[in-house]
Amino acid sequence: MNRVVVAGAGLAGVRSVEALRARGFEGEIVLLGQERHRPYDRPPLSKAVLLGTSDSSFVDSDLATLEVDFRPGVSATGLRAGVVETSEGDLPYDGLVIATGADPITLPGDGQQHVLRTLDDALELRARLVRGARVVVIGAGWIGAEVATAARRAGCEVTVVEAGPAPLSQAVGAELGARTLPWYDGIELRLDTMVASVDEGGVRLVDGEFLEAHVVVTGVGVRPAVEWLAGADIDLHNGVVADEHLRASLPGVVAVGDCAAWWSRRYGTRLRVEHWDTALGAPEVAAATLLGEDAVYDPVPYFWSEQFGHMVQYAGHHPAGARLLHRGGPEGKWSACWLTEDDTLAAVLAVDRPRDLVQGRRIIDAGPRMDPERLVDPDVPLRDCVV
């Protein structure tokens, strides 16, 4: 193998480059980056950058020392066997890492709607979050809650419009999402409310009501950025279909990060996880696979969110659970656990209880049975609930 092309210069792409070099690959590496910035982390965009405590989140990686041909501002536009078509012409490859991430979903309408996906997005939005500005945030998921946090802290008049019955209802269910309702103090929260369009000067709801706004932020999710692969001979279904080795259907191709839908042995289903931890860990397996090693990617998914002064952490895959148990009341620090039918831990959500998250993640990885009666006592460490 003489040349590996890495399409996508986010965290997953950069870590793929580092993993290839760490495994002794001495051939040419070309890193394509759609943006003109050097690689950066995305989680701080909705946290430190938007809150104004940082102006960037660049990844600490020396691409020159790694002898990487980094091409900022160059996009992958198509794929044929052995050739990546780019905005600057064809680029032959022996191995390819697809790490093109995901694109934010926008809503109909001619009005300006901000999304939060890039560094430029974060800096532009931050400049508009000024005291007294009327801000409408569409979506009370992870990003919507973090944007609302920043807007409220900046002194804006904030309205959050959510189609579901509670914040985070799509992510963790309405029962747990309802526990975050008190966090929205000082914010107008519209639940079970659908948006028809984003128009000049605000948001039109399905029932015809118009919400005036100086700033509209759309946070209703993302789609894997795989449109450039539409004409390629590669399996696509909610991203790039990959096996447990992160190998795609086209020979010599692997996929990592937000665009990869890989097979999880642990959960017996295909997963696509849009979070930092996946972009950090998957490249090690992808690089090994590309170099002919037998490596399996089967993590316990993990992510976190900082919102309204709370640290929210999640590990596991709760659809694999059969019942939900609470550890502590909603008024303070609490966590929740999903147990399978045979009382193994499928997932844990921890609010300001980092110990529960750390222990829960280890327990999920090991797979022992739990004692449900002890588990619901928040004073009993999770590790002491193992049977």
Protein backbone atom coordinates (compact mmCIF):
# COMPACT_ATOMS: atom_id res chain seq x y z
CA MET A 1 0.00 0.00 0.00
CA ASN A 2 1.60 3.24 -1.16
CA ARG A 3 -1.03 5.93 -0.67
CA VAL A 4 -3.88 6.30 1.84
CA VAL A 5 -6.41 9.05 1.33
CA VAL A 6 -8.35 10.28 4.35
CA ALA A 7 -11.52 12.10 3.29
CA GLY A 8 -12.47 14.43 6.12
CA ALA A 9 -10.20 16.45 8.41
CA GLY A 10 -12.22 16.42 11.62
CA LEU A 11 -11.13 14.56 14.73
CA ALA A 12 -11.83 11.15 13.16
CA GLY A 13 -9.73 11.99 10.12
CA VAL A 14 -6.80 13.33 12.13
CA ARG A 15 -6.81 10.39 14.52
CA SER A 16 -6.84 8.04 11.50
CA VAL A 17 -3.69 9.70 10.22
CA GLU A 18 -2.03 9.39 13.61
CA ALA A 19 -3.07 5.74 13.95
CA LEU A 20 -1.67 4.85 10.53
CA ARG A 21 1.70 6.36 11.39
CA ALA A 22 1.70 4.79 14.87
CA ARG A 23 1.21 1.40 13.22
CA GLY A 24 4.22 1.91 11.03
CA PHE A 25 2.64 2.96 7.74
CA GLU A 26 5.38 4.80 5.83
CA GLY A 27 3.55 5.50 2.59
CA GLU A 28 1.92 8.72 1.43
CA ILE A 29 -1.06 10.05 3.38
CA VAL A 30 -3.34 12.69 1.86
CA LEU A 31 -5.80 14.39 4.21
CA LEU A 32 -8.70 16.21 2.56
CA GLY A 33 -10.41 18.94 4.56
CA GLN A 34 -13.54 20.63 3.25
CA GLU A 35 -12.95 23.64 5.52
CA ARG A 36 -9.94 25.92 5.25
CA HIS A 37 -9.23 25.74 8.97
CA ARG A 38 -6.73 23.31 10.36
CA PRO A 39 -8.43 20.36 12.13
CA TYR A 40 -10.38 21.11 15.29
CA ASP A 41 -12.64 19.45 17.88
CA ARG A 42 -16.40 19.98 17.58
CA PRO A 43 -17.71 19.51 21.17
CA PRO A 44 -16.24 22.83 22.41
CA LEU A 45 -18.11 24.71 19.68
CA SER A 46 -21.41 24.51 21.58
CA LYS A 47 -19.66 24.94 24.92
CA ALA A 48 -16.45 26.97 25.37
CA VAL A 49 -16.47 28.69 21.96
CA LEU A 50 -20.14 29.65 22.04
CA LEU A 51 -19.87 30.78 25.67
CA GLY A 52 -16.90 32.97 24.79
CA THR A 53 -14.28 31.28 26.96
CA SER A 54 -12.34 30.11 23.89
CA ASP A 55 -11.99 31.24 20.28
CA SER A 56 -10.98 27.91 18.80
CA SER A 57 -10.65 24.21 19.50
CA PHE A 58 -7.82 23.16 17.21
CA VAL A 59 -6.59 19.58 17.51
CA ASP A 60 -3.06 19.29 18.88
CA SER A 61 -1.58 17.33 15.99
CA ASP A 62 1.59 18.08 14.03
CA LEU A 63 0.66 17.04 10.51
CA ALA A 64 3.98 18.23 9.11
CA THR A 65 5.94 15.98 11.46
CA LEU A 66 3.63 13.11 10.49
CA GLU A 67 4.46 13.86 6.85
CA VAL A 68 0.83 14.29 5.89
CA ASP A 69 -0.19 16.03 2.69
CA PHE A 70 -2.96 18.15 4.21
CA ARG A 71 -5.21 19.80 1.65
CA PRO A 72 -7.56 22.28 3.32
CA GLY A 73 -10.48 23.56 1.29
CA VAL A 74 -10.58 20.41 -0.86
CA SER A 75 -13.76 18.31 -0.85
CA ALA A 76 -14.35 14.71 -1.85
CA THR A 77 -17.01 14.82 -4.58
CA GLY A 78 -17.22 11.23 -5.80
CA LEU A 79 -15.73 7.76 -5.55
CA ARG A 80 -14.68 5.08 -8.00
CA ALA A 81 -12.76 1.96 -7.12
CA GLY A 82 -9.24 3.17 -6.45
CA VAL A 83 -10.00 6.84 -7.12
CA VAL A 84 -11.42 9.66 -4.98
CA GLU A 85 -12.91 12.41 -7.09
CA THR A 86 -12.23 15.78 -5.46
CA SER A 87 -12.96 19.44 -6.07
CA GLU A 88 -9.40 19.68 -7.42
CA GLY A 89 -9.39 16.56 -9.60
CA ASP A 90 -9.02 12.80 -9.30
CA LEU A 91 -6.87 11.34 -6.52
CA PRO A 92 -5.87 7.66 -6.78
CA TYR A 93 -5.64 5.66 -3.56
CA ASP A 94 -4.57 2.24 -2.30
CA GLY A 95 -6.51 2.68 0.94
CA LEU A 96 -9.29 5.10 1.81
CA VAL A 97 -10.65 6.31 5.14
CA ILE A 98 -14.09 7.90 4.84
CA ALA A 99 -14.45 10.42 7.66
CA THR A 100 -16.69 13.07 6.13
CA GLY A 101 -18.86 13.44 9.22
CA ALA A 102 -22.40 14.75 9.16
CA ASP A 103 -24.30 17.83 8.00
CA PRO A 104 -26.92 19.67 10.07
CA ILE A 105 -30.56 19.43 9.01
CA THR A 106 -32.20 22.74 8.11
CA LEU A 107 -35.88 23.59 7.86
CA PRO A 108 -37.95 25.10 5.03
CA GLY A 109 -38.18 28.87 4.64
CA ASP A 110 -36.29 31.88 3.32
CA GLY A 111 -35.33 33.30 6.69
CA GLN A 112 -31.82 33.05 8.09
CA GLN A 113 -31.34 30.04 10.31
CA HIS A 114 -28.11 29.33 12.14
CA VAL A 115 -26.75 25.86 12.69
CA LEU A 116 -23.88 24.82 14.93
CA ARG A 117 -21.53 22.46 13.19
CA THR A 118 -18.37 24.37 12.24
CA LEU A 119 -16.02 26.80 13.94
CA ASP A 120 -17.30 29.56 11.69
CA ASP A 121 -20.88 28.67 12.69
CA ALA A 122 -20.00 29.00 16.37
CA LEU A 123 -18.16 32.31 16.01
CA GLU A 124 -20.93 33.85 13.89
CA LEU A 125 -23.64 32.73 16.29
CA ARG A 126 -21.70 33.92 19.32
CA ALA A 127 -21.48 37.40 17.84
CA ARG A 128 -25.29 37.52 17.56
CA LEU A 129 -26.04 36.38 21.09
CA VAL A 130 -26.21 39.83 22.66
CA ARG A 131 -28.23 41.08 25.61
CA GLY A 132 -31.86 41.67 24.72
CA ALA A 133 -31.77 39.75 21.45
CA ARG A 134 -34.82 37.55 20.83
CA VAL A 135 -33.52 34.07 20.11
CA VAL A 136 -35.63 31.12 18.96
CA VAL A 137 -33.96 27.72 19.26
CA ILE A 138 -35.67 24.96 17.29
CA GLY A 139 -35.10 21.63 19.02
CA ALA A 140 -34.52 20.82 22.70
CA GLY A 141 -32.00 18.06 22.09
CA TRP A 142 -28.35 18.14 23.12
CA ILE A 143 -27.31 21.00 20.83
CA GLY A 144 -30.51 22.98 21.36
CA ALA A 145 -30.10 22.83 25.14
CA GLU A 146 -26.47 23.94 24.94
CA VAL A 147 -27.32 26.84 22.62
CA ALA A 148 -30.16 27.88 24.93
CA THR A 149 -27.71 27.79 27.84
CA ALA A 150 -25.32 30.15 26.05
CA ALA A 151 -28.10 32.46 24.87
CA ARG A 152 -29.62 32.77 28.32
CA ARG A 153 -26.21 33.43 29.85
CA ALA A 154 -25.68 36.20 27.28
CA GLY A 155 -28.88 37.90 28.41
CA CYS A 156 -31.01 37.01 25.40
CA GLU A 157 -34.77 36.47 25.45
CA VAL A 158 -34.89 32.77 24.63
CA THR A 159 -37.70 30.62 23.27
CA VAL A 160 -37.10 26.91 22.66
CA VAL A 161 -39.48 25.10 20.32
CA GLU A 162 -39.57 21.32 20.67
CA ALA A 163 -41.70 18.90 18.66
CA GLY A 164 -41.61 16.24 21.38
CA PRO A 165 -43.32 16.09 24.79
CA ALA A 166 -40.14 16.96 26.73
CA PRO A 167 -36.55 18.10 26.19
CA LEU A 168 -34.24 15.26 25.14
CA SER A 169 -37.28 13.03 24.54
CA GLN A 170 -35.90 11.73 21.26
CA ALA A 171 -32.49 11.05 22.80
CA VAL A 172 -33.38 9.43 26.13
CA GLY A 173 -37.18 9.33 26.29
CA ALA A 174 -39.84 11.69 27.60
CA GLU A 175 -39.72 10.36 31.17
CA LEU A 176 -36.10 11.35 31.68
CA GLY A 177 -36.36 14.42 29.49
CA ALA A 178 -39.14 15.74 31.75
CA ARG A 179 -36.66 15.79 34.62
CA THR A 180 -34.82 18.63 32.88
CA LEU A 181 -37.89 20.91 32.67
CA PRO A 182 -36.90 22.98 35.78
CA TRP A 183 -33.60 23.78 34.07
CA TYR A 184 -35.46 25.94 31.55
CA ASP A 185 -36.28 28.59 34.18
CA GLY A 186 -36.28 31.98 32.42
CA ILE A 187 -36.78 30.38 29.01
CA GLU A 188 -40.06 30.05 27.15
CA LEU A 189 -40.26 26.35 26.33
CA ARG A 190 -42.84 25.30 23.73
CA LEU A 191 -43.35 21.53 23.81
CA ASP A 192 -45.34 19.43 21.34
CA THR A 193 -44.89 22.28 18.89
CA MET A 194 -44.02 21.90 15.22
CA VAL A 195 -42.30 24.48 13.04
CA ALA A 196 -43.64 25.06 9.54
CA SER A 197 -40.89 27.37 8.26
CA VAL A 198 -38.15 29.82 9.16
CA ASP A 199 -39.15 33.14 7.63
CA GLU A 200 -37.77 36.66 7.60
CA GLY A 201 -37.94 37.95 11.14
CA GLY A 202 -38.80 34.73 12.89
CA VAL A 203 -40.41 31.30 12.91
CA ARG A 204 -43.82 30.23 11.60
CA LEU A 205 -45.42 27.42 13.57
CA VAL A 206 -47.66 24.76 12.04
CA ASP A 207 -50.70 26.28 13.76
CA GLY A 208 -49.99 29.60 12.06
CA GLU A 209 -48.52 31.46 15.02
CA PHE A 210 -45.46 33.58 14.22
CA LEU A 211 -42.60 33.86 16.74
CA GLU A 212 -40.55 36.99 16.14
CA ALA A 213 -36.80 36.55 16.48
CA HIS A 214 -33.57 38.35 15.83
CA VAL A 215 -31.76 35.01 15.76
CA VAL A 216 -33.07 31.56 14.80
CA VAL A 217 -30.98 28.48 15.61
CA THR A 218 -31.96 25.13 14.14
CA GLY A 219 -30.86 22.14 16.20
CA VAL A 220 -32.99 19.26 14.96
CA GLY A 221 -30.24 16.77 14.15
CA VAL A 222 -27.76 15.88 11.44
CA ARG A 223 -27.50 13.58 8.46
CA PRO A 224 -24.36 11.60 7.55
CA ALA A 225 -22.41 13.50 4.91
CA VAL A 226 -22.43 10.80 2.25
CA GLU A 227 -24.13 12.54 -0.67
CA TRP A 228 -20.80 12.53 -2.49
CA LEU A 229 -20.97 8.72 -2.46
CA ALA A 230 -24.40 8.51 -4.12
CA GLY A 231 -22.97 7.27 -7.42
CA ALA A 232 -20.34 4.98 -5.91
CA ASP A 233 -20.45 1.20 -5.71
CA ILE A 234 -20.60 1.22 -1.93
CA ASP A 235 -23.36 0.25 0.51
CA LEU A 236 -25.08 3.22 2.13
CA HIS A 237 -27.81 3.05 4.77
CA ASN A 238 -27.92 5.78 7.38
CA GLY A 239 -24.27 6.38 6.57
CA VAL A 240 -21.52 4.19 5.19
CA VAL A 241 -22.37 0.58 6.01
CA ALA A 242 -19.37 -1.00 7.77
CA ASP A 243 -18.73 -4.29 9.52
CA GLU A 244 -17.30 -4.76 13.02
CA HIS A 245 -13.84 -4.06 11.60
CA LEU A 246 -15.10 -0.73 10.16
CA ARG A 247 -14.57 -2.17 6.69
CA ALA A 248 -16.92 -0.78 4.02
CA SER A 249 -18.30 -2.83 1.13
CA LEU A 250 -15.77 -1.43 -1.34
CA PRO A 251 -12.35 -3.11 -1.04
CA GLY A 252 -9.63 -1.04 0.60
CA VAL A 253 -12.13 1.34 2.21
CA VAL A 254 -12.95 1.91 5.89
CA ALA A 255 -15.31 4.40 7.55
CA VAL A 256 -15.06 6.24 10.87
CA GLY A 257 -16.87 8.92 12.84
CA ASP A 258 -20.32 10.38 12.32
CA CYS A 259 -20.74 8.95 8.82
CA ALA A 260 -20.00 5.32 9.75
CA ALA A 261 -22.82 2.86 10.49
CA TRP A 262 -20.94 -0.10 11.93
CA TRP A 263 -22.05 -3.50 13.19
CA SER A 264 -21.91 -3.81 16.98
CA ARG A 265 -21.26 -7.34 18.27
CA ARG A 266 -22.12 -6.15 21.76
CA TYR A 267 -25.64 -5.01 20.90
CA GLY A 268 -26.31 -7.16 17.83
CA THR A 269 -27.33 -4.20 15.71
CA ARG A 270 -25.88 -1.50 13.48
CA LEU A 271 -24.93 1.73 15.25
CA ARG A 272 -24.08 5.21 14.09
CA VAL A 273 -22.96 7.39 16.99
CA GLU A 274 -22.52 11.12 16.40
CA HIS A 275 -20.22 11.87 19.30
CA TRP A 276 -16.63 12.76 20.07
CA ASP A 277 -15.70 9.49 21.74
CA THR A 278 -16.47 7.53 18.56
CA ALA A 279 -14.35 9.86 16.46
CA LEU A 280 -11.54 9.42 18.98
CA GLY A 281 -11.59 5.63 19.29
CA ALA A 282 -12.72 4.21 15.95
CA PRO A 283 -9.66 5.31 13.91
CA GLU A 284 -7.40 2.87 15.77
CA VAL A 285 -9.47 -0.05 14.52
CA ALA A 286 -9.95 1.45 11.05
CA ALA A 287 -6.20 1.93 10.59
CA ALA A 288 -5.50 -1.61 11.79
CA THR A 289 -8.07 -3.02 9.38
CA LEU A 290 -6.68 -1.02 6.49
CA LEU A 291 -3.21 -2.42 7.22
CA GLY A 292 -4.42 -6.02 7.31
CA GLU A 293 -4.67 -6.52 11.06
CA ASP A 294 -7.60 -8.27 12.74
CA ALA A 295 -9.17 -5.60 14.95
CA VAL A 296 -12.78 -5.23 16.12
CA TYR A 297 -14.58 -2.02 17.03
CA ASP A 298 -17.13 -2.76 19.75
CA PRO A 299 -17.16 0.09 22.28
CA VAL A 300 -19.62 1.10 24.93
CA PRO A 301 -20.86 4.35 23.30
CA TYR A 302 -20.32 7.45 25.43
CA PHE A 303 -21.10 11.13 25.24
CA TRP A 304 -21.67 14.15 27.46
CA SER A 305 -23.45 17.49 27.41
CA GLU A 306 -23.00 20.62 29.52
CA GLN A 307 -26.32 22.47 29.89
CA PHE A 308 -27.81 24.90 32.38
CA GLY A 309 -25.01 24.30 34.88
CA HIS A 310 -25.33 20.51 34.76
CA MET A 311 -23.00 17.83 33.45
CA VAL A 312 -25.05 15.20 31.65
CA GLN A 313 -23.21 11.98 30.73
CA TYR A 314 -24.44 8.88 28.95
CA ALA A 315 -22.93 5.48 28.25
CA GLY A 316 -24.36 2.42 26.53
CA HIS A 317 -27.29 1.81 24.19
CA HIS A 318 -30.61 2.12 26.02
CA PRO A 319 -32.80 0.58 23.27
CA ALA A 320 -31.23 -2.72 24.41
CA GLY A 321 -32.78 -2.22 27.85
CA ALA A 322 -36.12 -3.61 28.99
CA ARG A 323 -36.80 -1.31 31.97
CA LEU A 324 -35.68 2.00 33.40
CA LEU A 325 -34.65 2.49 37.05
CA HIS A 326 -33.93 5.81 38.78
CA ARG A 327 -31.14 6.60 41.21
CA GLY A 328 -32.15 9.75 43.09
CA GLY A 329 -34.89 12.32 42.64
CA PRO A 330 -34.97 14.94 39.90
CA GLU A 331 -34.36 17.87 42.25
CA GLY A 332 -30.63 17.19 42.73
CA LYS A 333 -27.90 14.96 41.41
CA TRP A 334 -29.34 11.81 39.88
CA SER A 335 -28.82 9.04 37.42
CA ALA A 336 -30.88 6.45 35.59
CA CYS A 337 -30.09 2.93 34.47
CA TRP A 338 -31.59 0.76 31.78
CA LEU A 339 -31.54 -2.97 32.57
CA THR A 340 -31.99 -5.80 30.10
CA GLU A 341 -34.47 -8.61 30.71
CA ASP A 342 -31.72 -10.62 32.44
CA ASP A 343 -30.71 -7.63 34.62
CA THR A 344 -27.49 -6.68 32.87
CA LEU A 345 -26.80 -2.97 32.47
CA ALA A 346 -27.60 -1.67 28.97
CA ALA A 347 -27.06 2.05 29.54
CA VAL A 348 -26.64 4.72 32.19
CA LEU A 349 -27.49 8.42 32.17
CA ALA A 350 -25.81 10.46 34.91
CA VAL A 351 -26.59 14.06 35.86
CA ASP A 352 -23.83 15.54 38.03
CA ARG A 353 -22.92 12.01 39.17
CA PRO A 354 -19.69 11.26 37.28
CA ARG A 355 -18.92 8.25 39.47
CA ASP A 356 -22.07 6.52 38.27
CA LEU A 357 -21.02 7.13 34.69
CA VAL A 358 -17.49 5.82 35.13
CA GLN A 359 -18.56 2.72 37.06
CA GLY A 360 -21.57 2.13 34.82
CA ARG A 361 -19.50 2.20 31.67
CA ARG A 362 -17.14 -0.40 33.08
CA ILE A 363 -20.03 -2.59 34.18
CA ILE A 364 -21.65 -2.40 30.73
CA ASP A 365 -18.36 -3.44 29.17
CA ALA A 366 -17.96 -6.41 31.52
CA GLY A 367 -21.62 -7.49 31.36
CA PRO A 368 -22.39 -8.84 34.88
CA ARG A 369 -25.92 -9.10 36.28
CA MET A 370 -27.14 -6.34 38.60
CA ASP A 371 -29.22 -6.33 41.78
CA PRO A 372 -32.16 -4.01 40.92
CA GLU A 373 -33.10 -3.42 44.56
CA ARG A 374 -29.65 -2.11 45.45
CA LEU A 375 -29.33 -0.25 42.17
CA VAL A 376 -32.21 2.16 42.94
CA ASP A 377 -30.47 3.33 46.14
CA PRO A 378 -28.34 6.34 45.06
CA ASP A 379 -26.14 5.92 48.13
CA VAL A 380 -24.96 2.49 46.95
CA PRO A 381 -22.14 2.71 44.37
CA LEU A 382 -23.04 1.03 41.11
CA ARG A 383 -20.09 -1.32 41.41
CA ASP A 384 -21.63 -2.65 44.64
CA CYS A 385 -24.85 -3.49 42.79
CA VAL A 386 -23.15 -6.22 40.76
CA VAL A 387 -24.44 -9.67 41.64
